[in-house]
Amino acid sequence: MIKKSCAFCGRSFTAESKRVKYCSDKCRKDGARDKQRKLMKQKRADLKKQKSKKDNPNNQPAKKRKKKKNLLKYYQDFKTEILANEAEFGFTSRTIVEGVEVHEPDFEEQVINKIKEQSK
């Protein structure tokens, strides 16, 4: 038997193994609850630090609109990716961008025209 002191209340007790930390079941439950409470307190403090470190989005410059040439390429690649995915898995999806369905033959031009109309 080993003489130890309780990790929670500090009383001395005799332990039957080296791994025992607490003198009773009550101290073990209270110790586990206290440990969890400290852990959650630390996590909340870390989250609070992360939130305070975030930049103010009003100070960031606005993202510039893509050029027409890049938009055309972007939507061509987008359509190719969707169609390849459909062919791979053997199904047809209803993907709509700016009110235009991806399977339309002139999908890219229609989307770019819709974007132009919205910017006016």
Foldseek 3Di string as FASTA:
>chain_A
DDWDAAPQPGHIDDDPDPPDRHDDPVSVVVVVVVVVVVVVVVVVVVVVVVVVPDDDPVPDDDDDDDDLVVLLVVLVVVLVVQVVVCVVVVHDDFDADLNATSPDPPRSVVNVVSVVVVVD
